[in-house]
Amino acid sequence: MSIVAEPFLHTPNPVRTRSSRQLRMAAERLLWTYLREGRFEGGRFRRQYLIDAWLADFACPEAKLVVEVESDLTPALALHALNRRSHLESKGYRVLRFSDRDVLIDTRAVLGAIRGALTSRHA
């Protein structure tokens, strides 16, 4: 690891971190308006659903589907996301990961991918 890059891995920029968190939360709220109350393709999604020791942003336990909304990941967070995904897949869950920007900008495509995952599971 270079000396120049090392400080950037350990000292987050508070403004960038805050705006990234706000984007992610806005994306989660938007997606939740479509997924809540069993309104989406008959799938009953739960928000912030605990599966073993791992927390999923959205999960449809009946269809074994997890939807994750993530911002730009630091190397440490990327490793955590990879471990979470591996564990959930080992439990039989299919994991869909979308960036917060995709959810906010191309909501129809994100919903189409979730719809496809739900219908392929039922087929």
N, C-alpha and C. Protein backbone atom coordinates (compact mmCIF):
# COMPACT_ATOMS: atom_id res chain seq x y z
N MET A 1 0.85 -1.17 0.00
CA MET A 1 0.00 0.00 0.00
C MET A 1 0.89 1.23 0.00
N SER A 2 0.56 2.20 -0.78
CA SER A 2 1.39 3.39 -0.86
C SER A 2 1.17 4.28 0.36
N ILE A 3 2.16 5.07 0.65
CA ILE A 3 2.08 6.00 1.78
C ILE A 3 1.01 7.05 1.50
N VAL A 4 0.85 7.45 0.26
CA VAL A 4 -0.12 8.48 -0.10
C VAL A 4 -1.55 7.99 0.11
N ALA A 5 -1.84 6.75 -0.28
CA ALA A 5 -3.21 6.24 -0.21
C ALA A 5 -3.62 5.86 1.20
N GLU A 6 -2.68 5.49 2.03
CA GLU A 6 -3.01 4.97 3.35
C GLU A 6 -3.84 5.92 4.20
N PRO A 7 -3.53 7.23 4.31
CA PRO A 7 -4.36 8.09 5.16
C PRO A 7 -5.81 8.17 4.70
N PHE A 8 -6.06 8.04 3.40
CA PHE A 8 -7.42 8.16 2.90
C PHE A 8 -8.27 6.95 3.30
N LEU A 9 -7.64 5.83 3.56
CA LEU A 9 -8.39 4.66 3.99
C LEU A 9 -8.81 4.75 5.44
N HIS A 10 -8.08 5.52 6.23
CA HIS A 10 -8.34 5.55 7.67
C HIS A 10 -9.04 6.81 8.15
N THR A 11 -9.02 7.87 7.39
CA THR A 11 -9.67 9.10 7.82
C THR A 11 -10.73 9.49 6.80
N PRO A 12 -11.98 9.14 7.09
CA PRO A 12 -13.05 9.47 6.14
C PRO A 12 -13.31 10.97 6.12
N ASN A 13 -13.71 11.45 4.97
CA ASN A 13 -14.10 12.84 4.83
C ASN A 13 -15.52 12.96 5.39
N PRO A 14 -15.71 13.77 6.47
CA PRO A 14 -17.04 13.84 7.10
C PRO A 14 -18.14 14.31 6.15
N VAL A 15 -17.82 15.24 5.26
CA VAL A 15 -18.83 15.74 4.34
C VAL A 15 -19.22 14.66 3.35
N ARG A 16 -18.23 13.96 2.79
CA ARG A 16 -18.51 12.90 1.83
C ARG A 16 -19.26 11.75 2.50
N THR A 17 -18.86 11.40 3.71
CA THR A 17 -19.52 10.32 4.44
C THR A 17 -20.97 10.67 4.71
N ARG A 18 -21.23 11.90 5.14
CA ARG A 18 -22.59 12.32 5.46
C ARG A 18 -23.45 12.33 4.19
N SER A 19 -22.93 12.88 3.10
CA SER A 19 -23.74 12.93 1.87
C SER A 19 -23.97 11.53 1.32
N SER A 20 -23.00 10.66 1.45
CA SER A 20 -23.15 9.28 1.00
C SER A 20 -24.23 8.57 1.82
N ARG A 21 -24.23 8.79 3.12
CA ARG A 21 -25.23 8.18 4.00
C ARG A 21 -26.62 8.73 3.67
N GLN A 22 -26.71 10.03 3.39
CA GLN A 22 -28.00 10.63 3.05
C GLN A 22 -28.54 10.08 1.74
N LEU A 23 -27.66 9.88 0.76
CA LEU A 23 -28.08 9.28 -0.52
C LEU A 23 -28.61 7.87 -0.31
N ARG A 24 -27.89 7.11 0.49
CA ARG A 24 -28.30 5.72 0.74
C ARG A 24 -29.65 5.69 1.45
N MET A 25 -29.83 6.55 2.43
CA MET A 25 -31.10 6.57 3.17
C MET A 25 -32.25 7.01 2.27
N ALA A 26 -32.01 7.99 1.40
CA ALA A 26 -33.05 8.43 0.46
C ALA A 26 -33.41 7.29 -0.49
N ALA A 27 -32.41 6.57 -0.96
CA ALA A 27 -32.66 5.44 -1.86
C ALA A 27 -33.44 4.35 -1.15
N GLU A 28 -33.09 4.05 0.09
CA GLU A 28 -33.82 3.03 0.84
C GLU A 28 -35.27 3.45 1.06
N ARG A 29 -35.49 4.72 1.41
CA ARG A 29 -36.87 5.18 1.62
C ARG A 29 -37.69 5.06 0.33
N LEU A 30 -37.10 5.44 -0.79
CA LEU A 30 -37.80 5.35 -2.07
C LEU A 30 -38.15 3.89 -2.40
N LEU A 31 -37.18 3.01 -2.26
CA LEU A 31 -37.42 1.61 -2.57
C LEU A 31 -38.47 1.01 -1.64
N TRP A 32 -38.45 1.42 -0.38
CA TRP A 32 -39.41 0.91 0.59
C TRP A 32 -40.83 1.30 0.23
N THR A 33 -41.03 2.46 -0.40
CA THR A 33 -42.39 2.85 -0.80
C THR A 33 -42.99 1.86 -1.78
N TYR A 34 -42.15 1.18 -2.55
CA TYR A 34 -42.63 0.18 -3.51
C TYR A 34 -42.73 -1.23 -2.90
N LEU A 35 -41.84 -1.55 -1.97
CA LEU A 35 -41.76 -2.92 -1.48
C LEU A 35 -42.62 -3.21 -0.25
N ARG A 36 -43.02 -2.19 0.46
CA ARG A 36 -43.71 -2.43 1.74
C ARG A 36 -45.12 -2.95 1.57
N GLU A 37 -45.61 -3.55 2.63
CA GLU A 37 -46.99 -4.01 2.77
C GLU A 37 -47.42 -5.03 1.72
N GLY A 38 -46.47 -5.82 1.23
CA GLY A 38 -46.81 -6.87 0.28
C GLY A 38 -47.38 -6.37 -1.03
N ARG A 39 -47.08 -5.12 -1.37
CA ARG A 39 -47.65 -4.51 -2.57
C ARG A 39 -46.88 -4.85 -3.83
N PHE A 40 -45.69 -5.40 -3.69
CA PHE A 40 -44.86 -5.60 -4.87
C PHE A 40 -44.87 -7.05 -5.30
N GLU A 41 -45.59 -7.33 -6.36
CA GLU A 41 -45.65 -8.67 -6.94
C GLU A 41 -46.04 -9.74 -5.92
N GLY A 42 -46.78 -9.34 -4.91
CA GLY A 42 -47.22 -10.29 -3.90
C GLY A 42 -46.14 -10.71 -2.92
N GLY A 43 -44.94 -10.19 -3.10
CA GLY A 43 -43.85 -10.52 -2.17
C GLY A 43 -43.96 -9.69 -0.91
N ARG A 44 -43.83 -10.34 0.21
CA ARG A 44 -43.90 -9.62 1.49
C ARG A 44 -42.47 -9.33 1.95
N PHE A 45 -42.05 -8.09 1.72
CA PHE A 45 -40.70 -7.68 2.09
C PHE A 45 -40.68 -7.13 3.50
N ARG A 46 -39.55 -7.31 4.14
CA ARG A 46 -39.30 -6.74 5.46
C ARG A 46 -38.07 -5.86 5.36
N ARG A 47 -38.09 -4.77 6.07
CA ARG A 47 -36.97 -3.83 6.05
C ARG A 47 -36.08 -4.07 7.27
N GLN A 48 -34.76 -3.96 7.05
CA GLN A 48 -33.78 -4.19 8.12
C GLN A 48 -34.06 -5.53 8.80
N TYR A 49 -34.04 -6.57 8.01
CA TYR A 49 -34.40 -7.92 8.45
C TYR A 49 -33.15 -8.68 8.88
N LEU A 50 -33.18 -9.23 10.07
CA LEU A 50 -32.04 -9.96 10.62
C LEU A 50 -32.09 -11.42 10.19
N ILE A 51 -31.02 -11.85 9.52
CA ILE A 51 -30.87 -13.25 9.11
C ILE A 51 -29.60 -13.74 9.78
N ASP A 52 -29.77 -14.62 10.74
CA ASP A 52 -28.66 -15.04 11.61
C ASP A 52 -28.06 -13.78 12.23
N ALA A 53 -26.80 -13.51 12.00
CA ALA A 53 -26.18 -12.33 12.60
C ALA A 53 -26.05 -11.19 11.59
N TRP A 54 -26.63 -11.35 10.41
CA TRP A 54 -26.47 -10.38 9.34
C TRP A 54 -27.77 -9.62 9.10
N LEU A 55 -27.65 -8.31 8.91
CA LEU A 55 -28.80 -7.46 8.70
C LEU A 55 -28.95 -7.16 7.20
N ALA A 56 -30.10 -7.50 6.65
CA ALA A 56 -30.38 -7.25 5.24
C ALA A 56 -31.22 -5.97 5.13
N ASP A 57 -30.93 -5.14 4.14
CA ASP A 57 -31.71 -3.91 3.95
C ASP A 57 -33.18 -4.26 3.72
N PHE A 58 -33.43 -5.17 2.78
CA PHE A 58 -34.79 -5.64 2.48
C PHE A 58 -34.72 -7.13 2.24
N ALA A 59 -35.70 -7.86 2.76
CA ALA A 59 -35.72 -9.31 2.55
C ALA A 59 -37.15 -9.78 2.35
N CYS A 60 -37.29 -10.73 1.45
CA CYS A 60 -38.56 -11.43 1.26
C CYS A 60 -38.26 -12.88 1.63
N PRO A 61 -38.48 -13.25 2.89
CA PRO A 61 -38.11 -14.60 3.35
C PRO A 61 -38.80 -15.72 2.59
N GLU A 62 -40.06 -15.51 2.19
CA GLU A 62 -40.78 -16.56 1.47
C GLU A 62 -40.11 -16.88 0.13
N ALA A 63 -39.59 -15.86 -0.54
CA ALA A 63 -38.94 -16.05 -1.83
C ALA A 63 -37.43 -16.21 -1.68
N LYS A 64 -36.92 -16.15 -0.46
CA LYS A 64 -35.47 -16.25 -0.19
C LYS A 64 -34.71 -15.22 -1.03
N LEU A 65 -35.19 -13.96 -0.97
CA LEU A 65 -34.59 -12.88 -1.75
C LEU A 65 -34.19 -11.75 -0.82
N VAL A 66 -32.97 -11.27 -0.98
CA VAL A 66 -32.45 -10.13 -0.23
C VAL A 66 -32.08 -9.03 -1.22
N VAL A 67 -32.47 -7.80 -0.90
CA VAL A 67 -32.13 -6.64 -1.72
C VAL A 67 -31.28 -5.71 -0.87
N GLU A 68 -30.10 -5.39 -1.36
CA GLU A 68 -29.16 -4.51 -0.66
C GLU A 68 -29.00 -3.21 -1.43
N VAL A 69 -29.01 -2.09 -0.73
CA VAL A 69 -28.74 -0.78 -1.31
C VAL A 69 -27.45 -0.29 -0.69
N GLU A 70 -26.47 -0.02 -1.54
CA GLU A 70 -25.15 0.35 -1.01
C GLU A 70 -24.60 1.56 -1.73
N SER A 71 -23.80 2.31 -0.99
CA SER A 71 -23.08 3.45 -1.54
C SER A 71 -21.71 2.97 -1.99
N ASP A 72 -20.87 3.90 -2.40
CA ASP A 72 -19.49 3.55 -2.72
C ASP A 72 -18.87 2.93 -1.47
N LEU A 73 -18.24 1.79 -1.64
CA LEU A 73 -17.73 1.06 -0.49
C LEU A 73 -16.23 1.24 -0.33
N THR A 74 -15.80 1.44 0.91
CA THR A 74 -14.38 1.42 1.20
C THR A 74 -13.94 -0.04 1.16
N PRO A 75 -12.64 -0.31 1.10
CA PRO A 75 -12.20 -1.71 1.07
C PRO A 75 -12.72 -2.53 2.26
N ALA A 76 -12.75 -1.94 3.45
CA ALA A 76 -13.24 -2.67 4.62
C ALA A 76 -14.72 -2.99 4.50
N LEU A 77 -15.52 -2.02 4.03
CA LEU A 77 -16.95 -2.26 3.86
C LEU A 77 -17.23 -3.23 2.72
N ALA A 78 -16.41 -3.19 1.68
CA ALA A 78 -16.58 -4.14 0.57
C ALA A 78 -16.35 -5.57 1.05
N LEU A 79 -15.36 -5.76 1.91
CA LEU A 79 -15.09 -7.10 2.47
C LEU A 79 -16.26 -7.54 3.34
N HIS A 80 -16.80 -6.63 4.14
CA HIS A 80 -17.95 -6.95 4.98
C HIS A 80 -19.15 -7.33 4.11
N ALA A 81 -19.40 -6.59 3.04
CA ALA A 81 -20.52 -6.88 2.13
C ALA A 81 -20.33 -8.24 1.46
N LEU A 82 -19.10 -8.56 1.09
CA LEU A 82 -18.81 -9.85 0.48
C LEU A 82 -19.06 -11.00 1.45
N ASN A 83 -18.64 -10.83 2.71
CA ASN A 83 -18.89 -11.85 3.73
C ASN A 83 -20.38 -12.03 3.98
N ARG A 84 -21.10 -10.90 4.06
CA ARG A 84 -22.55 -10.97 4.28
C ARG A 84 -23.23 -11.69 3.12
N ARG A 85 -22.84 -11.34 1.89
CA ARG A 85 -23.44 -11.97 0.71
C ARG A 85 -23.15 -13.46 0.69
N SER A 86 -21.92 -13.85 0.98
CA SER A 86 -21.56 -15.27 0.99
C SER A 86 -22.38 -16.04 2.02
N HIS A 87 -22.54 -15.46 3.19
CA HIS A 87 -23.31 -16.13 4.24
C HIS A 87 -24.77 -16.28 3.84
N LEU A 88 -25.36 -15.19 3.32
CA LEU A 88 -26.76 -15.25 2.93
C LEU A 88 -26.99 -16.25 1.80
N GLU A 89 -26.07 -16.29 0.84
CA GLU A 89 -26.20 -17.25 -0.25
C GLU A 89 -26.05 -18.69 0.25
N SER A 90 -25.21 -18.88 1.26
CA SER A 90 -25.06 -20.23 1.83
C SER A 90 -26.34 -20.68 2.53
N LYS A 91 -27.18 -19.72 2.93
CA LYS A 91 -28.47 -20.03 3.56
C LYS A 91 -29.59 -20.16 2.54
N GLY A 92 -29.24 -20.06 1.24
CA GLY A 92 -30.24 -20.23 0.19
C GLY A 92 -30.86 -18.94 -0.31
N TYR A 93 -30.40 -17.80 0.16
CA TYR A 93 -30.95 -16.52 -0.29
C TYR A 93 -30.27 -16.08 -1.58
N ARG A 94 -31.04 -15.46 -2.43
CA ARG A 94 -30.48 -14.79 -3.60
C ARG A 94 -30.31 -13.32 -3.21
N VAL A 95 -29.15 -12.75 -3.47
CA VAL A 95 -28.85 -11.39 -3.05
C VAL A 95 -28.73 -10.49 -4.27
N LEU A 96 -29.56 -9.45 -4.30
CA LEU A 96 -29.48 -8.43 -5.34
C LEU A 96 -28.88 -7.19 -4.71
N ARG A 97 -27.87 -6.63 -5.35
CA ARG A 97 -27.21 -5.44 -4.82
C ARG A 97 -27.35 -4.31 -5.82
N PHE A 98 -27.81 -3.16 -5.33
CA PHE A 98 -27.97 -1.98 -6.17
C PHE A 98 -27.27 -0.81 -5.50
N SER A 99 -26.73 0.07 -6.32
CA SER A 99 -26.15 1.29 -5.75
C SER A 99 -27.28 2.27 -5.45
N ASP A 100 -27.02 3.15 -4.50
CA ASP A 100 -28.03 4.14 -4.16
C ASP A 100 -28.39 5.01 -5.36
N ARG A 101 -27.42 5.30 -6.19
CA ARG A 101 -27.67 6.13 -7.37
C ARG A 101 -28.58 5.40 -8.38
N ASP A 102 -28.39 4.10 -8.55
CA ASP A 102 -29.27 3.33 -9.44
C ASP A 102 -30.70 3.38 -8.95
N VAL A 103 -30.89 3.22 -7.65
CA VAL A 103 -32.24 3.23 -7.08
C VAL A 103 -32.90 4.59 -7.31
N LEU A 104 -32.14 5.66 -7.11
CA LEU A 104 -32.71 7.00 -7.24
C LEU A 104 -32.90 7.43 -8.69
N ILE A 105 -32.00 7.04 -9.58
CA ILE A 105 -32.04 7.52 -10.96
C ILE A 105 -32.79 6.57 -11.89
N ASP A 106 -32.60 5.27 -11.71
CA ASP A 106 -33.20 4.29 -12.61
C ASP A 106 -34.07 3.32 -11.82
N THR A 107 -35.04 3.87 -11.12
CA THR A 107 -35.90 3.08 -10.23
C THR A 107 -36.63 1.97 -10.97
N ARG A 108 -37.10 2.25 -12.17
CA ARG A 108 -37.83 1.23 -12.94
C ARG A 108 -36.97 0.00 -13.22
N ALA A 109 -35.71 0.23 -13.57
CA ALA A 109 -34.82 -0.91 -13.86
C ALA A 109 -34.57 -1.73 -12.60
N VAL A 110 -34.40 -1.05 -11.47
CA VAL A 110 -34.19 -1.75 -10.20
C VAL A 110 -35.42 -2.58 -9.85
N LEU A 111 -36.60 -1.98 -9.97
CA LEU A 111 -37.83 -2.71 -9.68
C LEU A 111 -38.03 -3.87 -10.66
N GLY A 112 -37.63 -3.67 -11.90
CA GLY A 112 -37.72 -4.75 -12.89
C GLY A 112 -36.83 -5.93 -12.52
N ALA A 113 -35.63 -5.64 -12.02
CA ALA A 113 -34.72 -6.71 -11.61
C ALA A 113 -35.28 -7.46 -10.40
N ILE A 114 -35.87 -6.73 -9.47
CA ILE A 114 -36.47 -7.37 -8.29
C ILE A 114 -37.67 -8.21 -8.72
N ARG A 115 -38.49 -7.66 -9.61
CA ARG A 115 -39.65 -8.39 -10.13
C ARG A 115 -39.21 -9.68 -10.81
N GLY A 116 -38.15 -9.58 -11.62
CA GLY A 116 -37.62 -10.76 -12.31
C GLY A 116 -37.13 -11.81 -11.34
N ALA A 117 -36.47 -11.39 -10.27
CA ALA A 117 -35.98 -12.33 -9.28
C ALA A 117 -37.14 -13.01 -8.54
N LEU A 118 -38.19 -12.25 -8.27
CA LEU A 118 -39.36 -12.83 -7.59
C LEU A 118 -40.07 -13.83 -8.50
N THR A 119 -40.28 -13.47 -9.76
CA THR A 119 -41.02 -14.37 -10.65
C THR A 119 -40.21 -15.59 -11.03
N SER A 120 -38.87 -15.45 -11.13
CA SER A 120 -38.07 -16.63 -11.46
C SER A 120 -38.02 -17.60 -10.29
N ARG A 121 -38.16 -17.11 -9.10
CA ARG A 121 -38.17 -17.97 -7.92
C ARG A 121 -39.47 -18.77 -7.82
N HIS A 122 -40.57 -18.14 -8.28
CA HIS A 122 -41.87 -18.80 -8.22
C HIS A 122 -42.09 -19.75 -9.39
N ALA A 123 -41.31 -19.59 -10.45
CA ALA A 123 -41.52 -20.43 -11.64
C ALA A 123 -40.96 -21.81 -11.49
